Amino acid sequence: MPGTGSSGCLRDRVPARAPPGHLAGNPARACAPRCERSGLHSEPRKPRLDSLRGLGRIRPPPYPRKWDLGSGNSQVTELLLAPFQIAIRACFLGFVFGCGMLLSFSQSSWSHFGWYMCSLSLFHYSEYLVTAVNNPKSLSLDSFLLNHSLEYTVAALSSWIEFTLENIFWPELKQITWLSALGLLMVVFGECLRKAAMFTAGSNFNHVVQNEKSETHTLVTSGVYAWFRHPSYVGWFYWSIGTQVMLCNPICGVGYALTVWRFFRDRTEEEEISLIHFFGDEYLEYKKRVPTGLPFIKGVKVEL
């Protein structure tokens, strides 16, 4: 009968005549396979990870466990974080809109600033929403236009500072209701015109001026584009000036008018160079028939 200890394992495993040196070095090594099979070994051998993977018992995780922006998983990380970042921006704009509504119905000198907050938050949120509906391929976090440019941010901060200072020292200046109502009408007109232009252009609309023509690019000349060559710029032009009229900001009102006029003058010339390159004589004929819609801006000059 075999024993129950390691010596029993040796008697049951080792033949009568072992090869020279087979057991002299380490007798336990010779009996290890048999002991593990019989369950007599006190410390079972750990299974190899690669062998278990082959059997389908252990699988690597299908997603990166650590979100490391500096590693090769940066693209995966951006995709995972994108919905969260979109939700944060949308909630922030909704919060601003709600605060603006509360201020709008308050009986204070800040009520017109509430109109402004509602107009500003609605503009940025609708930019993202309409882009998502019309041209989802170009959709990104930048579609909110919250980080449009440093100049845009400085202009917004300047208007807030002017309104606050004038509201403290000359509160009666901020109580011109008919002037604020006129500014609100300008804002509504500009917002509606810009969104109508985005819907009419469809997938041809992009927040970034395109330098290369894609297969889906077509020249849109119907709808609001039959009135103005650049209706989205016309809408933004009157919307931006209307916000300062609404706030009764005389300094920023003049400053906005000059700044956005110069911006859209350069922007239309840059865009029309690309449009002439894309569509040639078709756009030149359209350019002759339809004005830009922006005051004292005729677009790029073409020498024939």
C-alpha atoms as a PDB file:
ATOM      1  CA  MET A   1       0.000   0.000   0.000  1.00  0.00           C
ATOM      2  CA  PRO A   2       1.348   3.452  -0.825  1.00  0.00           C
ATOM      3  CA  GLY A   3       1.931   5.894   2.018  1.00  0.00           C
ATOM      4  CA  THR A   4       0.244   9.218   2.572  1.00  0.00           C
ATOM      5  CA  GLY A   5       3.354  11.410   2.750  1.00  0.00           C
ATOM      6  CA  SER A   6       5.893  12.531   0.204  1.00  0.00           C
ATOM      7  CA  SER A   7       7.744   9.252   0.587  1.00  0.00           C
ATOM      8  CA  GLY A   8       4.627   7.400  -0.499  1.00  0.00           C
ATOM      9  CA  CYS A   9       4.555   9.563  -3.561  1.00  0.00           C
ATOM     10  CA  LEU A  10       8.128   8.585  -4.302  1.00  0.00           C
ATOM     11  CA  ARG A  11       7.440   4.887  -3.989  1.00  0.00           C
ATOM     12  CA  ASP A  12       4.425   5.139  -6.243  1.00  0.00           C
ATOM     13  CA  ARG A  13       6.104   7.387  -8.835  1.00  0.00           C
ATOM     14  CA  VAL A  14       9.755   6.387  -9.114  1.00  0.00           C
ATOM     15  CA  PRO A  15      10.692   3.180 -10.915  1.00  0.00           C
ATOM     16  CA  ALA A  16      12.944   0.562  -9.289  1.00  0.00           C
ATOM     17  CA  ARG A  17      15.984   1.763 -11.167  1.00  0.00           C
ATOM     18  CA  ALA A  18      16.044   5.479 -11.744  1.00  0.00           C
ATOM     19  CA  PRO A  19      18.539   6.986 -14.143  1.00  0.00           C
ATOM     20  CA  PRO A  20      21.747   8.141 -12.487  1.00  0.00           C
ATOM     21  CA  GLY A  21      21.340  11.602 -10.997  1.00  0.00           C
ATOM     22  CA  HIS A  22      17.563  11.680 -11.491  1.00  0.00           C
ATOM     23  CA  LEU A  23      16.764  11.748  -7.792  1.00  0.00           C
ATOM     24  CA  ALA A  24      20.051  12.763  -6.339  1.00  0.00           C
ATOM     25  CA  GLY A  25      19.568  16.511  -6.794  1.00  0.00           C
ATOM     26  CA  ASN A  26      15.945  17.106  -5.766  1.00  0.00           C
ATOM     27  CA  PRO A  27      13.672  14.103  -5.079  1.00  0.00           C
ATOM     28  CA  ALA A  28      10.567  16.314  -4.735  1.00  0.00           C
ATOM     29  CA  ARG A  29      10.950  17.540  -8.330  1.00  0.00           C
ATOM     30  CA  ALA A  30      10.526  14.047  -9.661  1.00  0.00           C
ATOM     31  CA  CYS A  31       7.277  13.425  -7.844  1.00  0.00           C
ATOM     32  CA  ALA A  32       5.749  16.894  -8.370  1.00  0.00           C
ATOM     33  CA  PRO A  33       3.537  16.000 -11.376  1.00  0.00           C
ATOM     34  CA  ARG A  34       2.064  12.917  -9.691  1.00  0.00           C
ATOM     35  CA  CYS A  35       1.556  14.710  -6.377  1.00  0.00           C
ATOM     36  CA  GLU A  36      -0.347  17.558  -8.039  1.00  0.00           C
ATOM     37  CA  ARG A  37      -2.604  15.101  -9.869  1.00  0.00           C
ATOM     38  CA  SER A  38      -3.369  13.155  -6.706  1.00  0.00           C
ATOM     39  CA  GLY A  39      -4.019  16.303  -4.635  1.00  0.00           C
ATOM     40  CA  LEU A  40      -1.280  15.477  -2.127  1.00  0.00           C
ATOM     41  CA  HIS A  41       0.830  18.578  -2.813  1.00  0.00           C
ATOM     42  CA  SER A  42       0.289  21.265  -0.171  1.00  0.00           C
ATOM     43  CA  GLU A  43       0.635  24.279  -2.562  1.00  0.00           C
ATOM     44  CA  PRO A  44      -1.076  23.739  -5.942  1.00  0.00           C
ATOM     45  CA  ARG A  45       0.629  25.297  -8.929  1.00  0.00           C
ATOM     46  CA  LYS A  46      -0.973  28.532 -10.219  1.00  0.00           C
ATOM     47  CA  PRO A  47      -2.486  28.243 -13.725  1.00  0.00           C
ATOM     48  CA  ARG A  48      -0.713  30.067 -16.521  1.00  0.00           C
ATOM     49  CA  LEU A  49      -2.568  33.174 -17.685  1.00  0.00           C
ATOM     50  CA  ASP A  50      -1.876  32.647 -21.379  1.00  0.00           C
ATOM     51  CA  SER A  51      -3.188  29.085 -21.300  1.00  0.00           C
ATOM     52  CA  LEU A  52      -6.446  30.187 -19.671  1.00  0.00           C
ATOM     53  CA  ARG A  53      -6.889  32.952 -22.239  1.00  0.00           C
ATOM     54  CA  GLY A  54      -6.745  30.325 -24.919  1.00  0.00           C
ATOM     55  CA  LEU A  55      -9.558  28.435 -23.187  1.00  0.00           C
ATOM     56  CA  GLY A  56     -11.670  31.552 -22.965  1.00  0.00           C
ATOM     57  CA  ARG A  57     -11.709  31.639 -19.165  1.00  0.00           C
ATOM     58  CA  ILE A  58      -9.845  34.956 -18.831  1.00  0.00           C
ATOM     59  CA  ARG A  59     -10.343  37.759 -21.305  1.00  0.00           C
ATOM     60  CA  PRO A  60      -8.707  41.175 -21.380  1.00  0.00           C
ATOM     61  CA  PRO A  61     -11.101  44.087 -20.614  1.00  0.00           C
ATOM     62  CA  PRO A  62     -12.687  45.599 -23.745  1.00  0.00           C
ATOM     63  CA  TYR A  63     -12.008  49.186 -22.583  1.00  0.00           C
ATOM     64  CA  PRO A  64      -9.025  51.009 -21.092  1.00  0.00           C
ATOM     65  CA  ARG A  65      -9.131  50.961 -17.308  1.00  0.00           C
ATOM     66  CA  LYS A  66      -7.210  54.213 -16.986  1.00  0.00           C
ATOM     67  CA  TRP A  67      -8.074  57.377 -18.883  1.00  0.00           C
ATOM     68  CA  ASP A  68      -4.656  58.728 -19.720  1.00  0.00           C
ATOM     69  CA  LEU A  69      -4.782  61.752 -22.024  1.00  0.00           C
ATOM     70  CA  GLY A  70      -1.059  61.516 -22.648  1.00  0.00           C
ATOM     71  CA  SER A  71      -1.051  57.900 -23.789  1.00  0.00           C
ATOM     72  CA  GLY A  72      -2.063  56.169 -26.981  1.00  0.00           C
ATOM     73  CA  ASN A  73      -5.626  55.904 -25.684  1.00  0.00           C
ATOM     74  CA  SER A  74      -6.254  59.658 -26.014  1.00  0.00           C
ATOM     75  CA  GLN A  75      -8.688  59.231 -28.904  1.00  0.00           C
ATOM     76  CA  VAL A  76     -10.652  56.597 -26.998  1.00  0.00           C
ATOM     77  CA  THR A  77     -10.657  58.818 -23.940  1.00  0.00           C
ATOM     78  CA  GLU A  78     -12.013  61.788 -25.894  1.00  0.00           C
ATOM     79  CA  LEU A  79     -14.842  59.650 -27.241  1.00  0.00           C
ATOM     80  CA  LEU A  80     -15.689  58.460 -23.737  1.00  0.00           C
ATOM     81  CA  LEU A  81     -15.609  61.957 -22.259  1.00  0.00           C
ATOM     82  CA  ALA A  82     -17.388  63.756 -25.128  1.00  0.00           C
ATOM     83  CA  PRO A  83     -20.975  63.039 -23.932  1.00  0.00           C
ATOM     84  CA  PHE A  84     -20.032  64.214 -20.444  1.00  0.00           C
ATOM     85  CA  GLN A  85     -18.525  67.456 -21.772  1.00  0.00           C
ATOM     86  CA  ILE A  86     -21.548  68.085 -23.994  1.00  0.00           C
ATOM     87  CA  ALA A  87     -23.881  67.547 -21.034  1.00  0.00           C
ATOM     88  CA  ILE A  88     -21.873  69.942 -18.872  1.00  0.00           C
ATOM     89  CA  ARG A  89     -22.085  72.722 -21.476  1.00  0.00           C
ATOM     90  CA  ALA A  90     -25.767  72.129 -22.145  1.00  0.00           C
ATOM     91  CA  CYS A  91     -26.600  72.147 -18.419  1.00  0.00           C
ATOM     92  CA  PHE A  92     -24.579  75.318 -17.943  1.00  0.00           C
ATOM     93  CA  LEU A  93     -26.447  77.081 -20.752  1.00  0.00           C
ATOM     94  CA  GLY A  94     -29.756  75.866 -19.338  1.00  0.00           C
ATOM     95  CA  PHE A  95     -28.806  77.197 -15.921  1.00  0.00           C
ATOM     96  CA  VAL A  96     -27.929  80.591 -17.435  1.00  0.00           C
ATOM     97  CA  PHE A  97     -31.233  80.652 -19.297  1.00  0.00           C
ATOM     98  CA  GLY A  98     -33.143  79.881 -16.089  1.00  0.00           C
ATOM     99  CA  CYS A  99     -31.340  82.623 -14.174  1.00  0.00           C
ATOM    100  CA  GLY A 100     -32.089  85.012 -17.007  1.00  0.00           C
ATOM    101  CA  MET A 101     -35.780  84.173 -16.819  1.00  0.00           C
ATOM    102  CA  LEU A 102     -35.823  84.912 -13.090  1.00  0.00           C
ATOM    103  CA  LEU A 103     -34.112  88.263 -13.638  1.00  0.00           C
ATOM    104  CA  SER A 104     -36.440  89.123 -16.510  1.00  0.00           C
ATOM    105  CA  PHE A 105     -39.514  88.955 -14.285  1.00  0.00           C
ATOM    106  CA  SER A 106     -37.886  90.748 -11.381  1.00  0.00           C
ATOM    107  CA  GLN A 107     -38.792  94.359 -10.662  1.00  0.00           C
ATOM    108  CA  SER A 108     -35.225  95.648 -10.672  1.00  0.00           C
ATOM    109  CA  SER A 109     -32.745  97.440 -12.876  1.00  0.00           C
ATOM    110  CA  TRP A 110     -31.275  94.019 -13.783  1.00  0.00           C
ATOM    111  CA  SER A 111     -34.378  92.812 -15.606  1.00  0.00           C
ATOM    112  CA  HIS A 112     -33.011  93.742 -19.036  1.00  0.00           C
ATOM    113  CA  PHE A 113     -29.806  91.887 -18.247  1.00  0.00           C
ATOM    114  CA  GLY A 114     -32.043  88.855 -17.777  1.00  0.00           C
ATOM    115  CA  TRP A 115     -33.235  89.300 -21.357  1.00  0.00           C
ATOM    116  CA  TYR A 116     -29.617  89.339 -22.421  1.00  0.00           C
ATOM    117  CA  MET A 117     -28.792  86.154 -20.499  1.00  0.00           C
ATOM    118  CA  CYS A 118     -31.683  84.307 -22.125  1.00  0.00           C
ATOM    119  CA  SER A 119     -30.687  85.532 -25.592  1.00  0.00           C
ATOM    120  CA  LEU A 120     -27.027  84.618 -25.143  1.00  0.00           C
ATOM    121  CA  SER A 121     -27.611  81.120 -23.761  1.00  0.00           C
ATOM    122  CA  LEU A 122     -30.275  80.334 -26.371  1.00  0.00           C
ATOM    123  CA  PHE A 123     -27.975  81.449 -29.183  1.00  0.00           C
ATOM    124  CA  HIS A 124     -25.106  79.172 -28.160  1.00  0.00           C
ATOM    125  CA  TYR A 125     -27.316  76.184 -27.405  1.00  0.00           C
ATOM    126  CA  SER A 126     -29.220  76.478 -30.690  1.00  0.00           C
ATOM    127  CA  GLU A 127     -25.936  76.666 -32.632  1.00  0.00           C
ATOM    128  CA  TYR A 128     -25.042  73.185 -31.399  1.00  0.00           C
ATOM    129  CA  LEU A 129     -28.565  71.820 -31.785  1.00  0.00           C
ATOM    130  CA  VAL A 130     -29.075  72.969 -35.373  1.00  0.00           C
ATOM    131  CA  THR A 131     -25.621  71.715 -36.363  1.00  0.00           C
ATOM    132  CA  ALA A 132     -26.461  68.320 -34.865  1.00  0.00           C
ATOM    133  CA  VAL A 133     -29.628  68.151 -36.969  1.00  0.00           C
ATOM    134  CA  ASN A 134     -28.251  69.550 -40.233  1.00  0.00           C
ATOM    135  CA  ASN A 135     -24.638  68.475 -40.403  1.00  0.00           C
ATOM    136  CA  PRO A 136     -23.768  65.906 -37.711  1.00  0.00           C
ATOM    137  CA  LYS A 137     -20.490  65.021 -39.446  1.00  0.00           C
ATOM    138  CA  SER A 138     -19.061  68.434 -38.540  1.00  0.00           C
ATOM    139  CA  LEU A 139     -20.476  68.372 -34.999  1.00  0.00           C
ATOM    140  CA  SER A 140     -18.006  68.935 -32.159  1.00  0.00           C
ATOM    141  CA  LEU A 141     -17.742  70.685 -28.810  1.00  0.00           C
ATOM    142  CA  ASP A 142     -16.747  73.816 -30.725  1.00  0.00           C
ATOM    143  CA  SER A 143     -20.225  73.869 -32.283  1.00  0.00           C
ATOM    144  CA  PHE A 144     -21.460  75.589 -29.124  1.00  0.00           C
ATOM    145  CA  LEU A 145     -19.232  78.544 -30.138  1.00  0.00           C
ATOM    146  CA  LEU A 146     -18.461  79.129 -26.461  1.00  0.00           C
ATOM    147  CA  ASN A 147     -14.757  79.288 -27.281  1.00  0.00           C
ATOM    148  CA  HIS A 148     -15.200  81.225 -30.501  1.00  0.00           C
ATOM    149  CA  SER A 149     -12.171  83.492 -30.052  1.00  0.00           C
ATOM    150  CA  LEU A 150     -10.349  85.596 -27.495  1.00  0.00           C
ATOM    151  CA  GLU A 151     -11.829  88.742 -29.019  1.00  0.00           C
ATOM    152  CA  TYR A 152     -15.353  87.359 -28.595  1.00  0.00           C
ATOM    153  CA  THR A 153     -14.724  86.613 -24.924  1.00  0.00           C
ATOM    154  CA  VAL A 154     -13.212  90.045 -24.273  1.00  0.00           C
ATOM    155  CA  ALA A 155     -16.172  91.729 -25.979  1.00  0.00           C
ATOM    156  CA  ALA A 156     -18.665  89.818 -23.825  1.00  0.00           C
ATOM    157  CA  LEU A 157     -16.799  90.620 -20.611  1.00  0.00           C
ATOM    158  CA  SER A 158     -16.599  94.272 -21.596  1.00  0.00           C
ATOM    159  CA  SER A 159     -20.356  94.492 -22.064  1.00  0.00           C
ATOM    160  CA  TRP A 160     -20.978  92.904 -18.655  1.00  0.00           C
ATOM    161  CA  ILE A 161     -18.587  95.320 -16.956  1.00  0.00           C
ATOM    162  CA  GLU A 162     -20.108  98.354 -18.664  1.00  0.00           C
ATOM    163  CA  PHE A 163     -23.646  97.335 -17.750  1.00  0.00           C
ATOM    164  CA  THR A 164     -22.672  96.743 -14.104  1.00  0.00           C
ATOM    165  CA  LEU A 165     -20.836 100.048 -13.695  1.00  0.00           C
ATOM    166  CA  GLU A 166     -23.526 102.093 -15.403  1.00  0.00           C
ATOM    167  CA  ASN A 167     -26.229 100.305 -13.449  1.00  0.00           C
ATOM    168  CA  ILE A 168     -24.494 101.277 -10.194  1.00  0.00           C
ATOM    169  CA  PHE A 169     -23.758 104.923 -10.976  1.00  0.00           C
ATOM    170  CA  TRP A 170     -26.519 105.746 -13.506  1.00  0.00           C
ATOM    171  CA  PRO A 171     -29.339 103.238 -12.925  1.00  0.00           C
ATOM    172  CA  GLU A 172     -31.825 105.392 -14.822  1.00  0.00           C
ATOM    173  CA  LEU A 173     -29.804 104.728 -17.993  1.00  0.00           C
ATOM    174  CA  LYS A 174     -30.753 101.055 -17.776  1.00  0.00           C
ATOM    175  CA  GLN A 175     -34.464 101.729 -17.452  1.00  0.00           C
ATOM    176  CA  ILE A 176     -35.121 102.844 -21.049  1.00  0.00           C
ATOM    177  CA  THR A 177     -37.652 100.130 -21.790  1.00  0.00           C
ATOM    178  CA  TRP A 178     -38.431 101.099 -25.389  1.00  0.00           C
ATOM    179  CA  LEU A 179     -34.727 100.996 -26.293  1.00  0.00           C
ATOM    180  CA  SER A 180     -34.264  97.594 -24.662  1.00  0.00           C
ATOM    181  CA  ALA A 181     -37.358  96.348 -26.495  1.00  0.00           C
ATOM    182  CA  LEU A 182     -35.873  97.554 -29.781  1.00  0.00           C
ATOM    183  CA  GLY A 183     -32.693  95.639 -28.991  1.00  0.00           C
ATOM    184  CA  LEU A 184     -34.744  92.544 -28.202  1.00  0.00           C
ATOM    185  CA  LEU A 185     -36.438  92.772 -31.595  1.00  0.00           C
ATOM    186  CA  MET A 186     -33.025  93.019 -33.271  1.00  0.00           C
ATOM    187  CA  VAL A 187     -31.872  89.943 -31.354  1.00  0.00           C
ATOM    188  CA  VAL A 188     -34.945  87.917 -32.303  1.00  0.00           C
ATOM    189  CA  PHE A 189     -34.650  88.964 -35.964  1.00  0.00           C
ATOM    190  CA  GLY A 190     -30.953  88.111 -36.113  1.00  0.00           C
ATOM    191  CA  GLU A 191     -31.420  84.783 -34.354  1.00  0.00           C
ATOM    192  CA  CYS A 192     -34.275  83.703 -36.629  1.00  0.00           C
ATOM    193  CA  LEU A 193     -32.441  84.785 -39.788  1.00  0.00           C
ATOM    194  CA  ARG A 194     -29.263  82.933 -38.834  1.00  0.00           C
ATOM    195  CA  LYS A 195     -31.070  79.710 -37.950  1.00  0.00           C
ATOM    196  CA  ALA A 196     -33.139  79.931 -41.136  1.00  0.00           C
ATOM    197  CA  ALA A 197     -29.883  80.213 -43.089  1.00  0.00           C
ATOM    198  CA  MET A 198     -28.453  77.166 -41.306  1.00  0.00           C
ATOM    199  CA  PHE A 199     -31.550  75.077 -42.011  1.00  0.00           C
ATOM    200  CA  THR A 200     -31.679  76.208 -45.655  1.00  0.00           C
ATOM    201  CA  ALA A 201     -28.011  75.416 -46.287  1.00  0.00           C
ATOM    202  CA  GLY A 202     -28.302  72.021 -44.585  1.00  0.00           C
ATOM    203  CA  SER A 203     -25.120  69.981 -44.745  1.00  0.00           C
ATOM    204  CA  ASN A 204     -23.444  72.769 -46.749  1.00  0.00           C
ATOM    205  CA  PHE A 205     -23.299  74.947 -43.623  1.00  0.00           C
ATOM    206  CA  ASN A 206     -20.161  74.803 -41.514  1.00  0.00           C
ATOM    207  CA  HIS A 207     -18.812  76.995 -38.737  1.00  0.00           C
ATOM    208  CA  VAL A 208     -15.364  76.843 -40.347  1.00  0.00           C
ATOM    209  CA  VAL A 209     -14.670  78.314 -43.787  1.00  0.00           C
ATOM    210  CA  GLN A 210     -13.888  75.396 -46.111  1.00  0.00           C
ATOM    211  CA  ASN A 211     -10.868  75.625 -48.399  1.00  0.00           C
ATOM    212  CA  GLU A 212     -11.546  72.376 -50.251  1.00  0.00           C
ATOM    213  CA  LYS A 213     -14.754  71.422 -52.033  1.00  0.00           C
ATOM    214  CA  SER A 214     -16.328  68.137 -51.033  1.00  0.00           C
ATOM    215  CA  GLU A 215     -18.564  65.964 -53.199  1.00  0.00           C
ATOM    216  CA  THR A 216     -21.671  67.081 -51.308  1.00  0.00           C
ATOM    217  CA  HIS A 217     -21.055  70.833 -51.668  1.00  0.00           C
ATOM    218  CA  THR A 218     -23.730  72.636 -53.671  1.00  0.00           C
ATOM    219  CA  LEU A 219     -24.397  76.331 -54.216  1.00  0.00           C
ATOM    220  CA  VAL A 220     -27.525  77.266 -52.248  1.00  0.00           C
ATOM    221  CA  THR A 221     -29.410  80.195 -53.790  1.00  0.00           C
ATOM    222  CA  SER A 222     -32.963  79.579 -52.557  1.00  0.00           C
ATOM    223  CA  GLY A 223     -34.825  80.598 -49.413  1.00  0.00           C
ATOM    224  CA  VAL A 224     -33.101  83.311 -47.391  1.00  0.00           C
ATOM    225  CA  TYR A 225     -30.101  82.969 -49.704  1.00  0.00           C
ATOM    226  CA  ALA A 226     -32.222  84.563 -52.401  1.00  0.00           C
ATOM    227  CA  TRP A 227     -32.348  87.699 -50.234  1.00  0.00           C
ATOM    228  CA  PHE A 228     -28.765  87.827 -48.992  1.00  0.00           C
ATOM    229  CA  ARG A 229     -25.563  86.083 -50.057  1.00  0.00           C
ATOM    230  CA  HIS A 230     -24.538  85.662 -46.408  1.00  0.00           C
ATOM    231  CA  PRO A 231     -27.755  85.509 -44.349  1.00  0.00           C
ATOM    232  CA  SER A 232     -26.091  83.758 -41.400  1.00  0.00           C
ATOM    233  CA  TYR A 233     -23.590  86.621 -41.109  1.00  0.00           C
ATOM    234  CA  VAL A 234     -26.372  89.200 -41.440  1.00  0.00           C
ATOM    235  CA  GLY A 235     -28.276  87.516 -38.638  1.00  0.00           C
ATOM    236  CA  TRP A 236     -25.252  87.364 -36.353  1.00  0.00           C
ATOM    237  CA  PHE A 237     -24.393  90.983 -37.171  1.00  0.00           C
ATOM    238  CA  TYR A 238     -27.758  92.347 -36.040  1.00  0.00           C
ATOM    239  CA  TRP A 239     -27.968  89.880 -33.151  1.00  0.00           C
ATOM    240  CA  SER A 240     -24.660  91.045 -31.658  1.00  0.00           C
ATOM    241  CA  ILE A 241     -25.499  94.745 -31.981  1.00  0.00           C
ATOM    242  CA  GLY A 242     -29.005  94.088 -30.655  1.00  0.00           C
ATOM    243  CA  THR A 243     -27.602  92.630 -27.435  1.00  0.00           C
ATOM    244  CA  GLN A 244     -25.898  95.944 -26.641  1.00  0.00           C
ATOM    245  CA  VAL A 245     -28.962  97.982 -27.564  1.00  0.00           C
ATOM    246  CA  MET A 246     -30.934  95.714 -25.250  1.00  0.00           C
ATOM    247  CA  LEU A 247     -28.465  96.415 -22.417  1.00  0.00           C
ATOM    248  CA  CYS A 248     -28.439 100.149 -23.195  1.00  0.00           C
ATOM    249  CA  ASN A 249     -24.640 100.039 -23.414  1.00  0.00           C
ATOM    250  CA  PRO A 250     -23.593 103.130 -25.421  1.00  0.00           C
ATOM    251  CA  ILE A 251     -19.852 102.379 -25.387  1.00  0.00           C
ATOM    252  CA  CYS A 252     -20.055  98.684 -26.240  1.00  0.00           C
ATOM    253  CA  GLY A 253     -22.876  99.395 -28.666  1.00  0.00           C
ATOM    254  CA  VAL A 254     -20.593 101.526 -30.833  1.00  0.00           C
ATOM    255  CA  GLY A 255     -17.640  99.224 -30.234  1.00  0.00           C
ATOM    256  CA  TYR A 256     -19.618  96.114 -31.222  1.00  0.00           C
ATOM    257  CA  ALA A 257     -20.921  97.741 -34.396  1.00  0.00           C
ATOM    258  CA  LEU A 258     -17.425  98.667 -35.596  1.00  0.00           C
ATOM    259  CA  THR A 259     -15.824  95.386 -34.550  1.00  0.00           C
ATOM    260  CA  VAL A 260     -18.365  92.990 -36.037  1.00  0.00           C
ATOM    261  CA  TRP A 261     -18.588  95.043 -39.228  1.00  0.00           C
ATOM    262  CA  ARG A 262     -14.849  94.740 -39.735  1.00  0.00           C
ATOM    263  CA  PHE A 263     -14.894  91.055 -38.832  1.00  0.00           C
ATOM    264  CA  PHE A 264     -17.623  90.172 -41.330  1.00  0.00           C
ATOM    265  CA  ARG A 265     -16.029  92.301 -44.039  1.00  0.00           C
ATOM    266  CA  ASP A 266     -12.879  90.191 -43.844  1.00  0.00           C
ATOM    267  CA  ARG A 267     -14.838  86.972 -43.362  1.00  0.00           C
ATOM    268  CA  THR A 268     -17.039  87.434 -46.428  1.00  0.00           C
ATOM    269  CA  GLU A 269     -14.034  88.195 -48.627  1.00  0.00           C
ATOM    270  CA  GLU A 270     -12.243  85.087 -47.387  1.00  0.00           C
ATOM    271  CA  GLU A 271     -15.297  82.896 -47.916  1.00  0.00           C
ATOM    272  CA  GLU A 272     -16.131  84.260 -51.358  1.00  0.00           C
ATOM    273  CA  ILE A 273     -12.631  83.485 -52.611  1.00  0.00           C
ATOM    274  CA  SER A 274     -13.318  79.831 -51.799  1.00  0.00           C
ATOM    275  CA  LEU A 275     -16.813  79.967 -53.300  1.00  0.00           C
ATOM    276  CA  ILE A 276     -15.524  81.405 -56.567  1.00  0.00           C
ATOM    277  CA  HIS A 277     -12.898  78.674 -56.632  1.00  0.00           C
ATOM    278  CA  PHE A 278     -15.572  76.013 -55.999  1.00  0.00           C
ATOM    279  CA  PHE A 279     -18.356  77.173 -58.331  1.00  0.00           C
ATOM    280  CA  GLY A 280     -16.695  79.597 -60.771  1.00  0.00           C
ATOM    281  CA  ASP A 281     -19.064  81.523 -63.059  1.00  0.00           C
ATOM    282  CA  GLU A 282     -22.129  80.143 -61.271  1.00  0.00           C
ATOM    283  CA  TYR A 283     -21.203  81.998 -58.106  1.00  0.00           C
ATOM    284  CA  LEU A 284     -20.136  85.126 -59.987  1.00  0.00           C
ATOM    285  CA  GLU A 285     -23.596  85.355 -61.533  1.00  0.00           C
ATOM    286  CA  TYR A 286     -25.183  84.827 -58.137  1.00  0.00           C
ATOM    287  CA  LYS A 287     -22.901  87.507 -56.694  1.00  0.00           C
ATOM    288  CA  LYS A 288     -24.131  90.029 -59.258  1.00  0.00           C
ATOM    289  CA  ARG A 289     -27.802  89.381 -58.497  1.00  0.00           C
ATOM    290  CA  VAL A 290     -27.852  89.144 -54.700  1.00  0.00           C
ATOM    291  CA  PRO A 291     -26.282  91.568 -52.173  1.00  0.00           C
ATOM    292  CA  THR A 292     -24.361  90.450 -49.098  1.00  0.00           C
ATOM    293  CA  GLY A 293     -26.974  91.912 -46.763  1.00  0.00           C
ATOM    294  CA  LEU A 294     -24.314  93.559 -44.621  1.00  0.00           C
ATOM    295  CA  PRO A 295     -24.187  97.379 -44.705  1.00  0.00           C
ATOM    296  CA  PHE A 296     -21.401  98.808 -46.895  1.00  0.00           C
ATOM    297  CA  ILE A 297     -19.918  95.343 -47.545  1.00  0.00           C
ATOM    298  CA  LYS A 298     -19.890  94.166 -51.154  1.00  0.00           C
ATOM    299  CA  GLY A 299     -17.631  91.146 -50.813  1.00  0.00           C
ATOM    300  CA  VAL A 300     -14.478  90.265 -52.677  1.00  0.00           C
ATOM    301  CA  LYS A 301     -13.650  92.280 -55.788  1.00  0.00           C
ATOM    302  CA  VAL A 302     -13.156  90.280 -58.932  1.00  0.00           C
ATOM    303  CA  GLU A 303     -11.212  91.672 -61.873  1.00  0.00           C
ATOM    304  CA  LEU A 304     -12.264  90.166 -65.195  1.00  0.00           C
END
